C-alpha atoms as a PDB file:
ATOM      1  CA  UNK A   1      44.480-132.724 -92.414  1.00  0.00           C
ATOM      2  CA  UNK A   2      45.821-130.103 -90.026  1.00  0.00           C
ATOM      3  CA  UNK A   3      44.218-128.968 -86.791  1.00  0.00           C
ATOM      4  CA  UNK A   4      45.033-125.655 -85.163  1.00  0.00           C
ATOM      5  CA  UNK A   5      44.171-124.684 -81.599  1.00  0.00           C
ATOM      6  CA  UNK A   6      44.730-121.146 -80.380  1.00  0.00           C
ATOM      7  CA  UNK A   7      45.061-120.054 -76.777  1.00  0.00           C
ATOM      8  CA  UNK A   8      46.186-117.083 -74.725  1.00  0.00           C
ATOM      9  CA  UNK A   9      43.524-114.519 -75.512  1.00  0.00           C
ATOM     10  CA  UNK A  10      41.716-112.509 -72.902  1.00  0.00           C
ATOM     11  CA  UNK A  11      40.979-109.084 -71.516  1.00  0.00           C
ATOM     12  CA  UNK A  12      43.888-106.690 -71.157  1.00  0.00           C
ATOM     13  CA  UNK A  13      44.171-102.994 -70.400  1.00  0.00           C
ATOM     14  CA  UNK A  14      45.501-100.554 -72.981  1.00  0.00           C
ATOM     15  CA  UNK A  15      49.282-100.658 -72.986  1.00  0.00           C
ATOM     16  CA  UNK A  16      49.324-104.254 -71.773  1.00  0.00           C
ATOM     17  CA  UNK A  17      50.694-107.400 -73.352  1.00  0.00           C
ATOM     18  CA  UNK A  18      49.441-110.808 -74.343  1.00  0.00           C
ATOM     19  CA  UNK A  19      51.091-113.881 -75.772  1.00  0.00           C
ATOM     20  CA  UNK A  20      49.003-116.040 -78.070  1.00  0.00           C
ATOM     21  CA  UNK A  21      49.844-119.635 -78.885  1.00  0.00           C
ATOM     22  CA  UNK A  22      48.743-121.859 -81.739  1.00  0.00           C
ATOM     23  CA  UNK A  23      49.397-125.564 -81.511  1.00  0.00           C
ATOM     24  CA  UNK A  24      49.218-127.532 -84.735  1.00  0.00           C
ATOM     25  CA  UNK A  25      48.584-131.234 -85.074  1.00  0.00           C
ATOM     26  CA  UNK A  26      47.978-133.690 -87.853  1.00  0.00           C
ATOM     27  CA  UNK A  27      49.849-133.562 -91.128  1.00  0.00           C
ATOM     28  CA  UNK A  28      51.885-130.478 -90.221  1.00  0.00           C
ATOM     29  CA  UNK A  29      55.506-129.920 -91.221  1.00  0.00           C
ATOM     30  CA  UNK A  30      58.032-127.120 -91.423  1.00  0.00           C
ATOM     31  CA  UNK A  31      57.055-126.357 -95.007  1.00  0.00           C
ATOM     32  CA  UNK A  32      53.909-124.681 -93.772  1.00  0.00           C
ATOM     33  CA  UNK A  33      53.859-120.927 -93.434  1.00  0.00           C
ATOM     34  CA  UNK A  34      52.238-120.209 -90.070  1.00  0.00           C
ATOM     35  CA  UNK A  35      50.408-116.974 -89.577  1.00  0.00           C
ATOM     36  CA  UNK A  36      48.095-114.910 -87.449  1.00  0.00           C
ATOM     37  CA  UNK A  37      45.113-112.956 -88.710  1.00  0.00           C
ATOM     38  CA  UNK A  38      42.453-111.039 -86.861  1.00  0.00           C
ATOM     39  CA  UNK A  39      38.850-110.109 -87.393  1.00  0.00           C
ATOM     40  CA  UNK A  40      36.968-107.437 -85.513  1.00  0.00           C
ATOM     41  CA  UNK A  41      33.165-107.242 -85.527  1.00  0.00           C
ATOM     42  CA  UNK A  42      31.908-105.784 -88.780  1.00  0.00           C
ATOM     43  CA  UNK A  43      35.366-105.717 -90.335  1.00  0.00           C
ATOM     44  CA  UNK A  44      37.227-107.877 -92.801  1.00  0.00           C
ATOM     45  CA  UNK A  45      39.806-110.370 -91.682  1.00  0.00           C
ATOM     46  CA  UNK A  46      43.255-108.808 -91.744  1.00  0.00           C
ATOM     47  CA  UNK A  47      46.806-110.087 -91.734  1.00  0.00           C
ATOM     48  CA  UNK A  48      48.835-109.718 -88.535  1.00  0.00           C
ATOM     49  CA  UNK A  49      52.051-111.679 -89.011  1.00  0.00           C
ATOM     50  CA  UNK A  50      53.489-114.840 -90.548  1.00  0.00           C
ATOM     51  CA  UNK A  51      56.606-116.952 -90.283  1.00  0.00           C
ATOM     52  CA  UNK A  52      58.088-119.598 -92.551  1.00  0.00           C
ATOM     53  CA  UNK A  53      59.627-122.833 -91.363  1.00  0.00           C
ATOM     54  CA  UNK A  54      63.111-121.333 -91.577  1.00  0.00           C
ATOM     55  CA  UNK A  55      62.140-118.168 -89.729  1.00  0.00           C
ATOM     56  CA  UNK A  56      61.376-115.577 -92.396  1.00  0.00           C
ATOM     57  CA  UNK A  57      58.902-113.132 -90.877  1.00  0.00           C
ATOM     58  CA  UNK A  58      56.323-110.804 -92.314  1.00  0.00           C
ATOM     59  CA  UNK A  59      54.372-108.506 -90.025  1.00  0.00           C
ATOM     60  CA  UNK A  60      51.814-105.746 -90.126  1.00  0.00           C
ATOM     61  CA  UNK A  61      53.471-104.183 -87.057  1.00  0.00           C
ATOM     62  CA  UNK A  62      57.093-105.102 -86.440  1.00  0.00           C
ATOM     63  CA  UNK A  63      57.296-102.834 -83.404  1.00  0.00           C
ATOM     64  CA  UNK A  64      54.431-104.166 -81.300  1.00  0.00           C
ATOM     65  CA  UNK A  65      53.869-107.716 -82.603  1.00  0.00           C
ATOM     66  CA  UNK A  66      56.483-110.478 -82.557  1.00  0.00           C
ATOM     67  CA  UNK A  67      55.831-113.845 -84.147  1.00  0.00           C
ATOM     68  CA  UNK A  68      57.919-116.898 -83.357  1.00  0.00           C
ATOM     69  CA  UNK A  69      57.786-120.585 -84.033  1.00  0.00           C
ATOM     70  CA  UNK A  70      58.898-123.802 -82.381  1.00  0.00           C
ATOM     71  CA  UNK A  71      58.967-126.455 -85.073  1.00  0.00           C
ATOM     72  CA  UNK A  72      59.705-129.206 -82.555  1.00  0.00           C
ATOM     73  CA  UNK A  73      56.487-128.376 -80.716  1.00  0.00           C
ATOM     74  CA  UNK A  74      54.499-127.501 -83.852  1.00  0.00           C
ATOM     75  CA  UNK A  75      53.582-124.265 -82.138  1.00  0.00           C
ATOM     76  CA  UNK A  76      53.584-120.656 -83.270  1.00  0.00           C
ATOM     77  CA  UNK A  77      53.421-117.707 -80.889  1.00  0.00           C
ATOM     78  CA  UNK A  78      52.369-114.102 -81.188  1.00  0.00           C
ATOM     79  CA  UNK A  79      53.722-111.714 -78.576  1.00  0.00           C
ATOM     80  CA  UNK A  80      51.672-108.532 -78.558  1.00  0.00           C
ATOM     81  CA  UNK A  81      52.872-105.471 -76.663  1.00  0.00           C
ATOM     82  CA  UNK A  82      51.543-101.948 -76.169  1.00  0.00           C
ATOM     83  CA  UNK A  83      48.050-103.137 -77.002  1.00  0.00           C
ATOM     84  CA  UNK A  84      45.433-100.618 -78.073  1.00  0.00           C
ATOM     85  CA  UNK A  85      41.625-100.790 -78.008  1.00  0.00           C
ATOM     86  CA  UNK A  86      41.684-101.077 -81.810  1.00  0.00           C
ATOM     87  CA  UNK A  87      43.568-104.362 -81.456  1.00  0.00           C
ATOM     88  CA  UNK A  88      40.371-105.908 -80.086  1.00  0.00           C
ATOM     89  CA  UNK A  89      39.440-108.815 -82.346  1.00  0.00           C
ATOM     90  CA  UNK A  90      39.286-112.553 -82.711  1.00  0.00           C
ATOM     91  CA  UNK A  91      42.807-113.708 -83.529  1.00  0.00           C
ATOM     92  CA  UNK A  92      43.009-116.689 -85.832  1.00  0.00           C
ATOM     93  CA  UNK A  93      45.893-118.993 -86.580  1.00  0.00           C
ATOM     94  CA  UNK A  94      46.545-120.067 -90.161  1.00  0.00           C
ATOM     95  CA  UNK A  95      48.723-122.761 -91.699  1.00  0.00           C
ATOM     96  CA  UNK A  96      49.425-122.463 -95.395  1.00  0.00           C
ATOM     97  CA  UNK A  97      51.271-124.795 -97.758  1.00  0.00           C
ATOM     98  CA  UNK A  98      50.929-124.650-101.527  1.00  0.00           C
ATOM     99  CA  UNK A  99      47.162-124.609-102.070  1.00  0.00           C
ATOM    100  CA  UNK A 100      46.328-125.880 -98.591  1.00  0.00           C
ATOM    101  CA  UNK A 101      45.115-123.372 -96.021  1.00  0.00           C
ATOM    102  CA  UNK A 102      43.904-124.330 -92.554  1.00  0.00           C
ATOM    103  CA  UNK A 103      42.322-122.157 -89.885  1.00  0.00           C
ATOM    104  CA  UNK A 104      41.852-122.425 -86.172  1.00  0.00           C
ATOM    105  CA  UNK A 105      38.722-121.384 -84.318  1.00  0.00           C
ATOM    106  CA  UNK A 106      40.288-118.216 -82.972  1.00  0.00           C
ATOM    107  CA  UNK A 107      40.895-116.660 -79.591  1.00  0.00           C
ATOM    108  CA  UNK A 108      39.288-113.420 -78.430  1.00  0.00           C
ATOM    109  CA  UNK A 109      41.512-110.499 -77.510  1.00  0.00           C
ATOM    110  CA  UNK A 110      39.808-107.558 -75.848  1.00  0.00           C
ATOM    111  CA  UNK A 111      41.728-104.403 -75.018  1.00  0.00           C
ATOM    112  CA  UNK A 112      39.744-102.220 -72.671  1.00  0.00           C
ATOM    113  CA  UNK A 113      40.061-100.301 -69.441  1.00  0.00           C
END
């Protein structure tokens, strides 16, 4: 089993930045693809970014969102810059390996003036 705990969300003004963290524990290893998704009220969950154990990145927004990973700490980060009100959502961490997929509880990000 894998447990994921997100942190770093909060209220930020438009144009601001936040750094989210996701700490994994349990049966986690570098073979897992770690990712971030988000879900806004009334909308479907959507992909934000992912990173493999050897650093291959996929992202929905390579300009504003930067994903990184520290395998020694079993932690994945999401640096978000130039935030917009439409980025407001619950951000969820995901760990995926073969047919296993684990989710954290999420952290709320609110972009508002």
